[in-house]
Amino acid sequence: KRLDEEYGKVTSQLAQIAINVKNFGAIGDGQTDDTQAIQSAVDHVVALGGGRVYLPPGVYRVSNTIELDSNIEFFGAGAKLTTLFPDFLGQDVFQNIIRISGTSDERKENVTLHNFGIDGSNVELHETEDRGLDPGQWARIQPRYVDNFKAYDMYYYHGSHLFHMHGCRNFTIERVTADYSFSVVHMVSTQGENVGGVINNITGTRMACMVDFGGGGQDV
């Protein structure tokens, strides 16, 4: 019993220590593909039962979706100091750069994102068809069936919908700045209603709208 208690204490202490993605091989120079290094850092934290993943200042090129899980805090050094730079070569322009994949039967919980930005201004038009869109990478964050999702102190440039919300409950999104994008939050009703959210202090320029409810929000 005592060993179990000590193990529990150590696991709890480890959860408070931020895992640095550079210790898993991320470079952050804007040229190197850091996708696998970031995902490896996340997977390490998931194996511990949850914890914190830190991205130091830099530009991190990402070529595939980063999958998060429950009890994860994913954060950088500042909204304009740590940047994810999507590079989905040969794929449709609308991609999930970060996804939390819960289901209606197996929901995810307690995911926090903060202090980083997404720059979709990659001049390569990576589409599977020509729809007359401006060159760029319109990557988004997709929480699906997540309880207690939080995001704050973030920046979004040249994107679609920063947060593409599906069936989330009790979420908070605040202190987000966006430029030249469709919206900061898009409530999607086709996958389940988003219920009980707070959206506060989001600002933008050259936007279609700030929040697109799309029929998918209740008590927001």
C-alpha atoms as a PDB file:
ATOM      1  CA  LYS A   1       0.000   0.000   0.000  1.00  0.00           C
ATOM      2  CA  ARG A   2       2.811   2.388   0.920  1.00  0.00           C
ATOM      3  CA  LEU A   3       4.570   1.706  -2.409  1.00  0.00           C
ATOM      4  CA  ASP A   4       1.301   2.419  -4.220  1.00  0.00           C
ATOM      5  CA  GLU A   5       0.954   5.692  -2.343  1.00  0.00           C
ATOM      6  CA  GLU A   6       4.529   6.708  -3.167  1.00  0.00           C
ATOM      7  CA  TYR A   7       4.024   5.794  -6.810  1.00  0.00           C
ATOM      8  CA  GLY A   8       0.900   7.934  -6.876  1.00  0.00           C
ATOM      9  CA  LYS A   9       2.809  10.891  -5.437  1.00  0.00           C
ATOM     10  CA  VAL A  10       5.617  10.554  -7.983  1.00  0.00           C
ATOM     11  CA  THR A  11       3.142  10.272 -10.865  1.00  0.00           C
ATOM     12  CA  SER A  12       1.355  13.396  -9.638  1.00  0.00           C
ATOM     13  CA  GLN A  13       4.640  15.301  -9.389  1.00  0.00           C
ATOM     14  CA  LEU A  14       5.665  14.224 -12.892  1.00  0.00           C
ATOM     15  CA  ALA A  15       2.360  15.532 -14.226  1.00  0.00           C
ATOM     16  CA  GLN A  16       3.296  19.003 -12.993  1.00  0.00           C
ATOM     17  CA  ILE A  17       6.602  18.959 -14.875  1.00  0.00           C
ATOM     18  CA  ALA A  18       6.298  20.201 -18.433  1.00  0.00           C
ATOM     19  CA  ILE A  19       7.681  17.845 -21.062  1.00  0.00           C
ATOM     20  CA  ASN A  20       9.733  19.870 -23.563  1.00  0.00           C
ATOM     21  CA  VAL A  21       9.158  18.817 -27.186  1.00  0.00           C
ATOM     22  CA  LYS A  22      12.813  19.594 -27.958  1.00  0.00           C
ATOM     23  CA  ASN A  23      13.817  16.716 -25.728  1.00  0.00           C
ATOM     24  CA  PHE A  24      11.992  14.486 -28.227  1.00  0.00           C
ATOM     25  CA  GLY A  25      13.762  15.907 -31.269  1.00  0.00           C
ATOM     26  CA  ALA A  26      11.717  18.976 -32.218  1.00  0.00           C
ATOM     27  CA  ILE A  27      13.813  21.780 -33.742  1.00  0.00           C
ATOM     28  CA  GLY A  28      11.427  24.709 -34.177  1.00  0.00           C
ATOM     29  CA  ASP A  29      13.366  26.350 -37.018  1.00  0.00           C
ATOM     30  CA  GLY A  30      10.437  26.612 -39.441  1.00  0.00           C
ATOM     31  CA  GLN A  31      12.113  24.219 -41.880  1.00  0.00           C
ATOM     32  CA  THR A  32      12.330  20.863 -40.115  1.00  0.00           C
ATOM     33  CA  ASP A  33       9.209  18.714 -39.962  1.00  0.00           C
ATOM     34  CA  ASP A  34       8.562  18.529 -36.209  1.00  0.00           C
ATOM     35  CA  THR A  35       5.339  16.529 -36.377  1.00  0.00           C
ATOM     36  CA  GLN A  36       6.650  13.221 -35.064  1.00  0.00           C
ATOM     37  CA  ALA A  37       8.734  14.825 -32.326  1.00  0.00           C
ATOM     38  CA  ILE A  38       5.722  16.747 -31.003  1.00  0.00           C
ATOM     39  CA  GLN A  39       3.502  13.676 -31.202  1.00  0.00           C
ATOM     40  CA  SER A  40       6.115  11.600 -29.377  1.00  0.00           C
ATOM     41  CA  ALA A  41       6.192  14.137 -26.546  1.00  0.00           C
ATOM     42  CA  VAL A  42       2.398  14.049 -26.339  1.00  0.00           C
ATOM     43  CA  ASP A  43       2.328  10.231 -26.369  1.00  0.00           C
ATOM     44  CA  HIS A  44       4.882  10.159 -23.555  1.00  0.00           C
ATOM     45  CA  VAL A  45       2.658  12.366 -21.411  1.00  0.00           C
ATOM     46  CA  VAL A  46      -0.429  10.315 -22.284  1.00  0.00           C
ATOM     47  CA  ALA A  47       1.393   7.175 -21.121  1.00  0.00           C
ATOM     48  CA  LEU A  48       1.932   8.864 -17.750  1.00  0.00           C
ATOM     49  CA  GLY A  49      -1.813   9.416 -17.446  1.00  0.00           C
ATOM     50  CA  GLY A  50      -1.676  13.091 -18.429  1.00  0.00           C
ATOM     51  CA  GLY A  51       0.501  16.136 -17.945  1.00  0.00           C
ATOM     52  CA  ARG A  52       1.985  19.171 -19.660  1.00  0.00           C
ATOM     53  CA  VAL A  53       3.642  19.473 -23.093  1.00  0.00           C
ATOM     54  CA  TYR A  54       5.711  22.610 -23.680  1.00  0.00           C
ATOM     55  CA  LEU A  55       6.821  24.108 -27.002  1.00  0.00           C
ATOM     56  CA  PRO A  56       9.616  26.672 -26.508  1.00  0.00           C
ATOM     57  CA  PRO A  57       9.803  29.777 -28.747  1.00  0.00           C
ATOM     58  CA  GLY A  58      10.140  28.832 -32.397  1.00  0.00           C
ATOM     59  CA  VAL A  59       8.287  27.916 -35.576  1.00  0.00           C
ATOM     60  CA  TYR A  60       7.277  24.252 -35.719  1.00  0.00           C
ATOM     61  CA  ARG A  61       6.462  22.856 -39.151  1.00  0.00           C
ATOM     62  CA  VAL A  62       3.646  20.287 -38.919  1.00  0.00           C
ATOM     63  CA  SER A  63       2.669  17.944 -41.755  1.00  0.00           C
ATOM     64  CA  ASN A  64       0.076  15.753 -40.045  1.00  0.00           C
ATOM     65  CA  THR A  65      -2.552  15.985 -37.318  1.00  0.00           C
ATOM     66  CA  ILE A  66      -1.275  16.104 -33.739  1.00  0.00           C
ATOM     67  CA  GLU A  67      -3.563  13.880 -31.659  1.00  0.00           C
ATOM     68  CA  LEU A  68      -4.168  14.909 -28.040  1.00  0.00           C
ATOM     69  CA  ASP A  69      -5.902  12.922 -25.308  1.00  0.00           C
ATOM     70  CA  SER A  70      -7.544  13.574 -21.956  1.00  0.00           C
ATOM     71  CA  ASN A  71      -5.736  15.413 -19.158  1.00  0.00           C
ATOM     72  CA  ILE A  72      -3.281  17.221 -21.433  1.00  0.00           C
ATOM     73  CA  GLU A  73      -2.029  20.805 -21.193  1.00  0.00           C
ATOM     74  CA  PHE A  74      -0.404  21.760 -24.512  1.00  0.00           C
ATOM     75  CA  PHE A  75       1.245  25.179 -24.443  1.00  0.00           C
ATOM     76  CA  GLY A  76       3.949  27.447 -25.797  1.00  0.00           C
ATOM     77  CA  ALA A  77       5.949  30.483 -24.718  1.00  0.00           C
ATOM     78  CA  GLY A  78       3.499  33.059 -26.048  1.00  0.00           C
ATOM     79  CA  ALA A  79       0.828  33.576 -28.701  1.00  0.00           C
ATOM     80  CA  LYS A  80       3.364  35.019 -31.141  1.00  0.00           C
ATOM     81  CA  LEU A  81       6.495  33.364 -29.755  1.00  0.00           C
ATOM     82  CA  THR A  82       5.555  29.732 -30.365  1.00  0.00           C
ATOM     83  CA  THR A  83       4.044  29.067 -33.798  1.00  0.00           C
ATOM     84  CA  LEU A  84       2.709  25.951 -35.496  1.00  0.00           C
ATOM     85  CA  PHE A  85       3.273  26.199 -39.262  1.00  0.00           C
ATOM     86  CA  PRO A  86       1.020  23.735 -41.154  1.00  0.00           C
ATOM     87  CA  ASP A  87       2.480  22.011 -44.206  1.00  0.00           C
ATOM     88  CA  PHE A  88      -0.022  19.407 -45.418  1.00  0.00           C
ATOM     89  CA  LEU A  89       1.608  18.661 -48.750  1.00  0.00           C
ATOM     90  CA  GLY A  90      -0.780  17.350 -51.394  1.00  0.00           C
ATOM     91  CA  GLN A  91      -3.772  17.278 -49.063  1.00  0.00           C
ATOM     92  CA  ASP A  92      -6.978  19.274 -48.942  1.00  0.00           C
ATOM     93  CA  VAL A  93      -6.509  22.776 -47.561  1.00  0.00           C
ATOM     94  CA  PHE A  94      -8.897  22.190 -44.631  1.00  0.00           C
ATOM     95  CA  GLN A  95      -6.888  20.088 -42.181  1.00  0.00           C
ATOM     96  CA  ASN A  96      -6.947  19.481 -38.426  1.00  0.00           C
ATOM     97  CA  ILE A  97      -3.548  20.482 -37.102  1.00  0.00           C
ATOM     98  CA  ILE A  98      -4.646  19.440 -33.595  1.00  0.00           C
ATOM     99  CA  ARG A  99      -7.457  17.013 -32.815  1.00  0.00           C
ATOM    100  CA  ILE A 100      -8.962  15.595 -29.633  1.00  0.00           C
ATOM    101  CA  SER A 101     -10.961  12.580 -30.799  1.00  0.00           C
ATOM    102  CA  GLY A 102     -13.662  11.641 -28.358  1.00  0.00           C
ATOM    103  CA  THR A 103     -16.957   9.973 -29.235  1.00  0.00           C
ATOM    104  CA  SER A 104     -20.465  10.261 -27.837  1.00  0.00           C
ATOM    105  CA  ASP A 105     -19.850   7.018 -25.914  1.00  0.00           C
ATOM    106  CA  GLU A 106     -16.225   7.645 -24.911  1.00  0.00           C
ATOM    107  CA  ARG A 107     -15.750  11.315 -24.243  1.00  0.00           C
ATOM    108  CA  LYS A 108     -12.398  13.033 -23.651  1.00  0.00           C
ATOM    109  CA  GLU A 109     -11.888  15.513 -20.820  1.00  0.00           C
ATOM    110  CA  ASN A 110      -9.647  18.180 -19.318  1.00  0.00           C
ATOM    111  CA  VAL A 111      -7.690  19.452 -22.322  1.00  0.00           C
ATOM    112  CA  THR A 112      -6.065  22.899 -22.188  1.00  0.00           C
ATOM    113  CA  LEU A 113      -4.306  24.790 -24.997  1.00  0.00           C
ATOM    114  CA  HIS A 114      -2.601  28.146 -24.548  1.00  0.00           C
ATOM    115  CA  ASN A 115       0.197  30.528 -25.465  1.00  0.00           C
ATOM    116  CA  PHE A 116       0.889  29.544 -29.062  1.00  0.00           C
ATOM    117  CA  GLY A 117      -0.234  30.536 -32.534  1.00  0.00           C
ATOM    118  CA  ILE A 118      -0.986  28.969 -35.904  1.00  0.00           C
ATOM    119  CA  ASP A 119       0.337  30.622 -39.076  1.00  0.00           C
ATOM    120  CA  GLY A 120      -1.415  29.307 -42.179  1.00  0.00           C
ATOM    121  CA  SER A 121       0.387  31.555 -44.645  1.00  0.00           C
ATOM    122  CA  ASN A 122       2.375  28.776 -46.310  1.00  0.00           C
ATOM    123  CA  VAL A 123       2.313  29.991 -49.934  1.00  0.00           C
ATOM    124  CA  GLU A 124       1.986  26.493 -51.352  1.00  0.00           C
ATOM    125  CA  LEU A 125      -1.659  25.875 -52.240  1.00  0.00           C
ATOM    126  CA  HIS A 126      -1.982  22.271 -51.095  1.00  0.00           C
ATOM    127  CA  GLU A 127      -5.412  21.271 -52.322  1.00  0.00           C
ATOM    128  CA  THR A 128      -6.858  18.199 -53.947  1.00  0.00           C
ATOM    129  CA  GLU A 129      -9.012  20.390 -56.179  1.00  0.00           C
ATOM    130  CA  ASP A 130      -8.967  23.981 -57.386  1.00  0.00           C
ATOM    131  CA  ARG A 131     -11.657  25.991 -55.613  1.00  0.00           C
ATOM    132  CA  GLY A 132     -10.164  29.412 -56.207  1.00  0.00           C
ATOM    133  CA  LEU A 133      -8.950  29.775 -52.639  1.00  0.00           C
ATOM    134  CA  ASP A 134      -6.073  32.012 -51.662  1.00  0.00           C
ATOM    135  CA  PRO A 135      -2.770  30.162 -51.328  1.00  0.00           C
ATOM    136  CA  GLY A 136      -2.323  28.938 -47.799  1.00  0.00           C
ATOM    137  CA  GLN A 137      -2.835  26.222 -45.209  1.00  0.00           C
ATOM    138  CA  TRP A 138      -6.171  26.644 -43.452  1.00  0.00           C
ATOM    139  CA  ALA A 139      -5.461  24.352 -40.525  1.00  0.00           C
ATOM    140  CA  ARG A 140      -7.767  24.214 -37.528  1.00  0.00           C
ATOM    141  CA  ILE A 141      -8.125  22.693 -34.054  1.00  0.00           C
ATOM    142  CA  GLN A 142     -10.897  20.133 -33.689  1.00  0.00           C
ATOM    143  CA  PRO A 143     -12.164  19.121 -30.220  1.00  0.00           C
ATOM    144  CA  ARG A 144     -14.661  16.264 -30.648  1.00  0.00           C
ATOM    145  CA  TYR A 145     -16.796  15.266 -27.650  1.00  0.00           C
ATOM    146  CA  VAL A 146     -14.545  16.892 -25.062  1.00  0.00           C
ATOM    147  CA  ASP A 147     -15.600  17.937 -21.556  1.00  0.00           C
ATOM    148  CA  ASN A 148     -13.796  20.837 -19.855  1.00  0.00           C
ATOM    149  CA  PHE A 149     -11.903  22.097 -22.896  1.00  0.00           C
ATOM    150  CA  LYS A 150      -9.992  25.347 -22.353  1.00  0.00           C
ATOM    151  CA  ALA A 151      -8.048  27.569 -24.750  1.00  0.00           C
ATOM    152  CA  TYR A 152      -6.600  31.003 -24.122  1.00  0.00           C
ATOM    153  CA  ASP A 153      -3.863  33.457 -25.120  1.00  0.00           C
ATOM    154  CA  MET A 154      -3.626  32.291 -28.729  1.00  0.00           C
ATOM    155  CA  TYR A 155      -3.079  33.794 -32.193  1.00  0.00           C
ATOM    156  CA  TYR A 156      -4.470  32.609 -35.545  1.00  0.00           C
ATOM    157  CA  TYR A 157      -3.431  33.856 -38.983  1.00  0.00           C
ATOM    158  CA  HIS A 158      -4.690  32.932 -42.463  1.00  0.00           C
ATOM    159  CA  GLY A 159      -6.939  30.057 -41.438  1.00  0.00           C
ATOM    160  CA  SER A 160     -10.455  28.728 -41.582  1.00  0.00           C
ATOM    161  CA  HIS A 161     -12.107  28.190 -38.171  1.00  0.00           C
ATOM    162  CA  LEU A 162      -9.550  28.053 -35.373  1.00  0.00           C
ATOM    163  CA  PHE A 163     -11.767  25.915 -33.140  1.00  0.00           C
ATOM    164  CA  HIS A 164     -14.032  23.475 -34.991  1.00  0.00           C
ATOM    165  CA  MET A 165     -16.210  22.341 -32.081  1.00  0.00           C
ATOM    166  CA  HIS A 166     -18.142  19.049 -32.108  1.00  0.00           C
ATOM    167  CA  GLY A 167     -20.280  17.953 -29.155  1.00  0.00           C
ATOM    168  CA  CYS A 168     -18.237  19.669 -26.420  1.00  0.00           C
ATOM    169  CA  ARG A 169     -19.441  20.465 -22.900  1.00  0.00           C
ATOM    170  CA  ASN A 170     -18.306  23.103 -20.417  1.00  0.00           C
ATOM    171  CA  PHE A 171     -15.659  24.788 -22.552  1.00  0.00           C
ATOM    172  CA  THR A 172     -13.879  28.130 -22.222  1.00  0.00           C
ATOM    173  CA  ILE A 173     -12.234  30.030 -25.077  1.00  0.00           C
ATOM    174  CA  GLU A 174     -10.793  33.449 -24.306  1.00  0.00           C
ATOM    175  CA  ARG A 175      -8.108  35.993 -25.165  1.00  0.00           C
ATOM    176  CA  VAL A 176      -7.710  34.891 -28.778  1.00  0.00           C
ATOM    177  CA  THR A 177      -6.618  37.164 -31.625  1.00  0.00           C
ATOM    178  CA  ALA A 178      -7.165  36.233 -35.266  1.00  0.00           C
ATOM    179  CA  ASP A 179      -6.436  37.790 -38.649  1.00  0.00           C
ATOM    180  CA  TYR A 180      -7.481  36.989 -42.218  1.00  0.00           C
ATOM    181  CA  SER A 181      -9.544  33.915 -41.328  1.00  0.00           C
ATOM    182  CA  PHE A 182     -13.147  32.718 -41.418  1.00  0.00           C
ATOM    183  CA  SER A 183     -13.842  32.639 -37.673  1.00  0.00           C
ATOM    184  CA  VAL A 184     -12.325  31.922 -34.276  1.00  0.00           C
ATOM    185  CA  VAL A 185     -15.017  29.446 -33.201  1.00  0.00           C
ATOM    186  CA  HIS A 186     -17.300  27.308 -35.356  1.00  0.00           C
ATOM    187  CA  MET A 187     -20.026  25.368 -33.549  1.00  0.00           C
ATOM    188  CA  VAL A 188     -20.761  22.255 -35.593  1.00  0.00           C
ATOM    189  CA  SER A 189     -24.144  20.619 -34.915  1.00  0.00           C
ATOM    190  CA  THR A 190     -23.843  17.592 -37.201  1.00  0.00           C
ATOM    191  CA  GLN A 191     -21.741  15.690 -34.633  1.00  0.00           C
ATOM    192  CA  GLY A 192     -23.610  16.755 -31.491  1.00  0.00           C
ATOM    193  CA  GLU A 193     -24.478  19.995 -29.739  1.00  0.00           C
ATOM    194  CA  ASN A 194     -21.882  22.087 -27.916  1.00  0.00           C
ATOM    195  CA  VAL A 195     -23.291  22.866 -24.493  1.00  0.00           C
ATOM    196  CA  GLY A 196     -22.319  25.175 -21.631  1.00  0.00           C
ATOM    197  CA  GLY A 197     -19.472  27.240 -23.028  1.00  0.00           C
ATOM    198  CA  VAL A 198     -17.897  30.635 -22.354  1.00  0.00           C
ATOM    199  CA  ILE A 199     -16.363  32.639 -25.219  1.00  0.00           C
ATOM    200  CA  ASN A 200     -14.744  35.849 -24.050  1.00  0.00           C
ATOM    201  CA  ASN A 201     -12.392  38.548 -25.315  1.00  0.00           C
ATOM    202  CA  ILE A 202     -11.738  37.342 -28.857  1.00  0.00           C
ATOM    203  CA  THR A 203     -10.682  39.933 -31.421  1.00  0.00           C
ATOM    204  CA  GLY A 204      -9.934  39.856 -35.113  1.00  0.00           C
ATOM    205  CA  THR A 205      -9.359  41.761 -38.336  1.00  0.00           C
ATOM    206  CA  ARG A 206     -10.305  40.767 -41.886  1.00  0.00           C
ATOM    207  CA  MET A 207     -12.641  38.065 -40.568  1.00  0.00           C
ATOM    208  CA  ALA A 208     -15.919  36.706 -41.959  1.00  0.00           C
ATOM    209  CA  CYS A 209     -17.162  36.508 -38.352  1.00  0.00           C
ATOM    210  CA  MET A 210     -15.814  35.852 -34.877  1.00  0.00           C
ATOM    211  CA  VAL A 211     -18.171  33.057 -33.786  1.00  0.00           C
ATOM    212  CA  ASP A 212     -20.140  30.904 -36.224  1.00  0.00           C
ATOM    213  CA  PHE A 213     -22.812  29.159 -34.188  1.00  0.00           C
ATOM    214  CA  GLY A 214     -23.954  27.060 -37.137  1.00  0.00           C
ATOM    215  CA  GLY A 215     -26.878  25.685 -35.145  1.00  0.00           C
ATOM    216  CA  GLY A 216     -24.537  23.799 -32.840  1.00  0.00           C
ATOM    217  CA  GLY A 217     -24.444  25.748 -29.559  1.00  0.00           C
ATOM    218  CA  GLN A 218     -26.575  25.795 -26.395  1.00  0.00           C
ATOM    219  CA  ASP A 219     -26.059  27.984 -23.313  1.00  0.00           C
ATOM    220  CA  VAL A 220     -22.958  29.591 -24.784  1.00  0.00           C
END
